[in-house]
Every structure is written in structure tokens, then in C-alpha cells.
């Protein structure tokens, strides 16, 4: 896997943006990702409603989280039967 400096250099070259702009974009993207994971985790644990999760992160992310949880539960159930 490439190191952070290599990735930053590649992004600078490919996007024609300066380092500070790329770092700012990365920071914002990271925060959005962390927020989305927090909301989806709360939804899957029943701490926020489905509607609230959809309003906050969008239907696509909520449906993806639901599918992933269903698949995980099916795998767990299968493993426990063995």
C-alpha cells in the first residue's frame, strides 16, 4: 500500500490541486465518513430511527448497512450451527 506522502503527491498531480486544498478535502471527507458511521451504528443498535438515519446519511447508506447486518447475522447463525 502506498504511503500517505505518495498518495498526496499522486493526488496533487492528478487533480492539479495544491497540497492544502487536498488535505482540507481529505479532512472533510474523513469527518463525513466518521459521522456516517456513527449514525449508522446508532441506527443498527436501535438508538435512532430509520427515518432519522435516512434523513442524516441517505437511503443508500441505510440500505447498505441493513444488507451488511443481515449478511453478518446469517454468517453468525451458520457458524453457530456448526
N, C-alpha and C. Protein backbone atom coordinates (compact mmCIF):
# COMPACT_ATOMS: atom_id res chain seq x y z
N UNK A 1 0.85 -1.19 0.00
CA UNK A 1 0.00 0.00 0.00
C UNK A 1 0.89 1.24 0.00
N UNK A 2 0.44 2.21 -0.73
CA UNK A 2 1.20 3.45 -0.82
C UNK A 2 1.17 4.19 0.51
N UNK A 3 2.24 4.90 0.77
CA UNK A 3 2.24 5.70 1.99
C UNK A 3 1.53 7.03 1.75
N UNK A 4 1.27 7.74 2.80
CA UNK A 4 0.49 8.97 2.74
C UNK A 4 1.11 10.02 1.83
N UNK A 5 2.42 10.17 1.90
CA UNK A 5 3.10 11.16 1.06
C UNK A 5 2.93 10.82 -0.42
N UNK A 6 3.07 9.54 -0.77
CA UNK A 6 2.89 9.13 -2.17
C UNK A 6 1.48 9.42 -2.65
N UNK A 7 0.52 9.10 -1.81
CA UNK A 7 -0.87 9.35 -2.18
C UNK A 7 -1.10 10.84 -2.37
N UNK A 8 -0.60 11.64 -1.46
CA UNK A 8 -0.75 13.09 -1.57
C UNK A 8 -0.11 13.60 -2.85
N UNK A 9 1.08 13.15 -3.17
CA UNK A 9 1.77 13.57 -4.39
C UNK A 9 0.97 13.16 -5.63
N UNK A 10 0.45 11.94 -5.63
CA UNK A 10 -0.37 11.49 -6.77
C UNK A 10 -1.63 12.32 -6.91
N UNK A 11 -2.28 12.62 -5.80
CA UNK A 11 -3.49 13.44 -5.85
C UNK A 11 -3.18 14.85 -6.37
N UNK A 12 -2.09 15.41 -5.92
CA UNK A 12 -1.69 16.74 -6.40
C UNK A 12 -1.50 16.71 -7.92
N UNK A 13 -0.78 15.72 -8.39
CA UNK A 13 -0.51 15.62 -9.82
C UNK A 13 -1.79 15.36 -10.63
N UNK A 14 -2.61 14.44 -10.16
CA UNK A 14 -3.80 14.05 -10.92
C UNK A 14 -4.92 15.10 -10.88
N UNK A 15 -5.04 15.81 -9.76
CA UNK A 15 -6.14 16.76 -9.63
C UNK A 15 -5.74 18.20 -9.92
N UNK A 16 -4.44 18.44 -10.00
CA UNK A 16 -3.93 19.80 -10.22
C UNK A 16 -4.36 20.74 -9.09
N UNK A 17 -4.49 20.20 -7.89
CA UNK A 17 -4.84 21.00 -6.71
C UNK A 17 -3.61 21.08 -5.82
N UNK A 18 -3.55 22.14 -5.00
CA UNK A 18 -2.39 22.25 -4.12
C UNK A 18 -2.60 21.40 -2.87
N UNK A 19 -1.51 21.19 -2.17
CA UNK A 19 -1.50 20.29 -1.01
C UNK A 19 -2.50 20.68 0.06
N UNK A 20 -2.60 21.96 0.36
CA UNK A 20 -3.52 22.40 1.42
C UNK A 20 -4.97 22.13 1.04
N UNK A 21 -5.31 22.28 -0.23
CA UNK A 21 -6.68 22.01 -0.67
C UNK A 21 -6.99 20.52 -0.56
N UNK A 22 -6.05 19.68 -0.94
CA UNK A 22 -6.25 18.23 -0.86
C UNK A 22 -6.38 17.79 0.60
N UNK A 23 -5.54 18.34 1.47
CA UNK A 23 -5.61 17.99 2.88
C UNK A 23 -6.94 18.44 3.48
N UNK A 24 -7.41 19.62 3.08
CA UNK A 24 -8.70 20.11 3.56
C UNK A 24 -9.83 19.19 3.09
N UNK A 25 -9.77 18.79 1.82
CA UNK A 25 -10.79 17.88 1.29
C UNK A 25 -10.75 16.53 2.02
N UNK A 26 -9.55 16.03 2.29
CA UNK A 26 -9.41 14.75 2.99
C UNK A 26 -9.97 14.85 4.40
N UNK A 27 -9.71 15.95 5.07
CA UNK A 27 -10.22 16.14 6.42
C UNK A 27 -11.75 16.16 6.42
N UNK A 28 -12.34 16.91 5.50
CA UNK A 28 -13.81 16.98 5.41
C UNK A 28 -14.39 15.61 5.08
N UNK A 29 -13.76 14.91 4.14
CA UNK A 29 -14.24 13.58 3.76
C UNK A 29 -14.17 12.62 4.94
N UNK A 30 -13.07 12.69 5.68
CA UNK A 30 -12.91 11.84 6.86
C UNK A 30 -13.96 12.12 7.92
N UNK A 31 -14.24 13.40 8.15
CA UNK A 31 -15.27 13.75 9.13
C UNK A 31 -16.64 13.24 8.71
N UNK A 32 -16.96 13.41 7.41
CA UNK A 32 -18.24 12.92 6.91
C UNK A 32 -18.35 11.41 7.09
N UNK A 33 -17.25 10.71 6.81
CA UNK A 33 -17.24 9.25 6.96
C UNK A 33 -17.46 8.85 8.43
N UNK A 34 -16.75 9.51 9.33
CA UNK A 34 -16.91 9.21 10.76
C UNK A 34 -18.33 9.49 11.22
N UNK A 35 -18.92 10.60 10.77
CA UNK A 35 -20.29 10.96 11.15
C UNK A 35 -21.27 9.91 10.63
N UNK A 36 -21.09 9.51 9.36
CA UNK A 36 -21.97 8.50 8.77
C UNK A 36 -21.88 7.19 9.54
N UNK A 37 -20.67 6.76 9.90
CA UNK A 37 -20.50 5.52 10.65
C UNK A 37 -21.16 5.62 12.03
N UNK A 38 -21.05 6.77 12.67
CA UNK A 38 -21.68 6.98 13.98
C UNK A 38 -23.20 6.84 13.87
N UNK A 39 -23.79 7.51 12.90
CA UNK A 39 -25.25 7.48 12.72
C UNK A 39 -25.72 6.07 12.37
N UNK A 40 -25.02 5.42 11.45
CA UNK A 40 -25.42 4.06 11.07
C UNK A 40 -25.28 3.09 12.23
N UNK A 41 -24.25 3.24 13.03
CA UNK A 41 -24.09 2.41 14.22
C UNK A 41 -25.23 2.61 15.19
N UNK A 42 -25.61 3.87 15.40
CA UNK A 42 -26.73 4.16 16.29
C UNK A 42 -28.02 3.56 15.74
N UNK A 43 -28.22 3.65 14.45
CA UNK A 43 -29.42 3.09 13.84
C UNK A 43 -29.46 1.58 14.03
N UNK A 44 -28.36 0.91 13.74
CA UNK A 44 -28.34 -0.55 13.84
C UNK A 44 -28.48 -1.03 15.28
N UNK A 45 -28.14 -0.19 16.25
CA UNK A 45 -28.33 -0.54 17.67
C UNK A 45 -29.67 -0.05 18.20
N UNK A 46 -30.50 0.55 17.34
CA UNK A 46 -31.82 0.99 17.75
C UNK A 46 -31.85 2.30 18.51
N UNK A 47 -30.79 3.08 18.42
CA UNK A 47 -30.73 4.34 19.17
C UNK A 47 -31.27 5.53 18.37
N UNK A 48 -31.37 5.39 17.05
CA UNK A 48 -32.04 6.39 16.22
C UNK A 48 -32.97 5.65 15.27
N UNK A 49 -34.00 6.31 14.84
CA UNK A 49 -34.99 5.68 13.96
C UNK A 49 -34.43 5.54 12.54
N UNK A 50 -35.05 4.68 11.79
CA UNK A 50 -34.66 4.50 10.38
C UNK A 50 -34.84 5.81 9.63
N UNK A 51 -35.95 6.48 9.88
CA UNK A 51 -36.21 7.75 9.20
C UNK A 51 -35.14 8.79 9.52
N UNK A 52 -34.73 8.85 10.78
CA UNK A 52 -33.69 9.80 11.17
C UNK A 52 -32.36 9.45 10.49
N UNK A 53 -32.04 8.16 10.44
CA UNK A 53 -30.81 7.74 9.78
C UNK A 53 -30.85 8.08 8.30
N UNK A 54 -31.98 7.84 7.65
CA UNK A 54 -32.13 8.17 6.24
C UNK A 54 -31.97 9.66 6.02
N UNK A 55 -32.61 10.44 6.85
CA UNK A 55 -32.53 11.90 6.74
C UNK A 55 -31.09 12.39 6.91
N UNK A 56 -30.34 11.73 7.78
CA UNK A 56 -28.99 12.18 8.09
C UNK A 56 -27.95 11.69 7.08
N UNK A 57 -28.01 10.41 6.70
CA UNK A 57 -26.96 9.86 5.83
C UNK A 57 -27.45 9.42 4.46
N UNK A 58 -28.76 9.31 4.28
CA UNK A 58 -29.30 8.92 2.98
C UNK A 58 -29.74 7.47 2.94
N UNK A 59 -30.72 7.22 2.10
CA UNK A 59 -31.33 5.89 1.99
C UNK A 59 -30.32 4.84 1.52
N UNK A 60 -29.43 5.21 0.60
CA UNK A 60 -28.48 4.24 0.08
C UNK A 60 -27.57 3.70 1.18
N UNK A 61 -27.09 4.56 2.05
CA UNK A 61 -26.21 4.12 3.13
C UNK A 61 -26.97 3.27 4.15
N UNK A 62 -28.21 3.65 4.44
CA UNK A 62 -29.01 2.89 5.40
C UNK A 62 -29.30 1.50 4.84
N UNK A 63 -29.67 1.42 3.58
CA UNK A 63 -29.95 0.11 2.98
C UNK A 63 -28.69 -0.74 2.90
N UNK A 64 -27.55 -0.14 2.61
CA UNK A 64 -26.29 -0.88 2.61
C UNK A 64 -25.99 -1.44 4.00
N UNK A 65 -26.16 -0.63 5.02
CA UNK A 65 -25.92 -1.07 6.40
C UNK A 65 -26.86 -2.21 6.76
N UNK A 66 -28.11 -2.12 6.34
CA UNK A 66 -29.09 -3.18 6.62
C UNK A 66 -28.68 -4.49 5.94
N UNK A 67 -28.25 -4.40 4.68
CA UNK A 67 -27.82 -5.61 3.96
C UNK A 67 -26.58 -6.23 4.62
N UNK A 68 -25.65 -5.37 5.02
CA UNK A 68 -24.45 -5.88 5.67
C UNK A 68 -24.77 -6.55 7.00
N UNK A 69 -25.66 -5.94 7.76
CA UNK A 69 -26.04 -6.54 9.04
C UNK A 69 -26.74 -7.88 8.82
N UNK A 70 -27.63 -7.94 7.83
CA UNK A 70 -28.33 -9.19 7.53
C UNK A 70 -27.34 -10.28 7.14
N UNK A 71 -26.38 -9.94 6.28
CA UNK A 71 -25.38 -10.92 5.86
C UNK A 71 -24.54 -11.39 7.05
N UNK A 72 -24.16 -10.47 7.91
CA UNK A 72 -23.37 -10.82 9.08
C UNK A 72 -24.16 -11.74 10.00
N UNK A 73 -25.42 -11.44 10.21
CA UNK A 73 -26.26 -12.26 11.08
C UNK A 73 -26.44 -13.66 10.49
N UNK A 74 -26.59 -13.74 9.16
CA UNK A 74 -26.71 -15.04 8.51
C UNK A 74 -25.43 -15.85 8.67
N UNK A 75 -24.28 -15.20 8.52
CA UNK A 75 -23.00 -15.87 8.70
C UNK A 75 -22.83 -16.35 10.14
N UNK A 76 -23.23 -15.52 11.09
CA UNK A 76 -23.13 -15.87 12.50
C UNK A 76 -24.03 -17.07 12.81
N UNK A 77 -25.24 -17.02 12.30
CA UNK A 77 -26.18 -18.11 12.52
C UNK A 77 -25.63 -19.42 11.94
N UNK A 78 -25.05 -19.32 10.75
CA UNK A 78 -24.48 -20.50 10.12
C UNK A 78 -23.30 -21.05 10.93
N UNK A 79 -22.47 -20.17 11.43
CA UNK A 79 -21.30 -20.59 12.21
C UNK A 79 -21.72 -21.25 13.53
N UNK A 80 -22.80 -20.74 14.13
CA UNK A 80 -23.26 -21.29 15.40
C UNK A 80 -23.88 -22.68 15.23
N UNK A 81 -24.36 -22.99 14.03
CA UNK A 81 -24.97 -24.29 13.78
C UNK A 81 -23.94 -25.39 13.63
N UNK A 82 -22.69 -25.00 13.35
CA UNK A 82 -21.64 -26.00 13.13
C UNK A 82 -21.10 -26.56 14.40
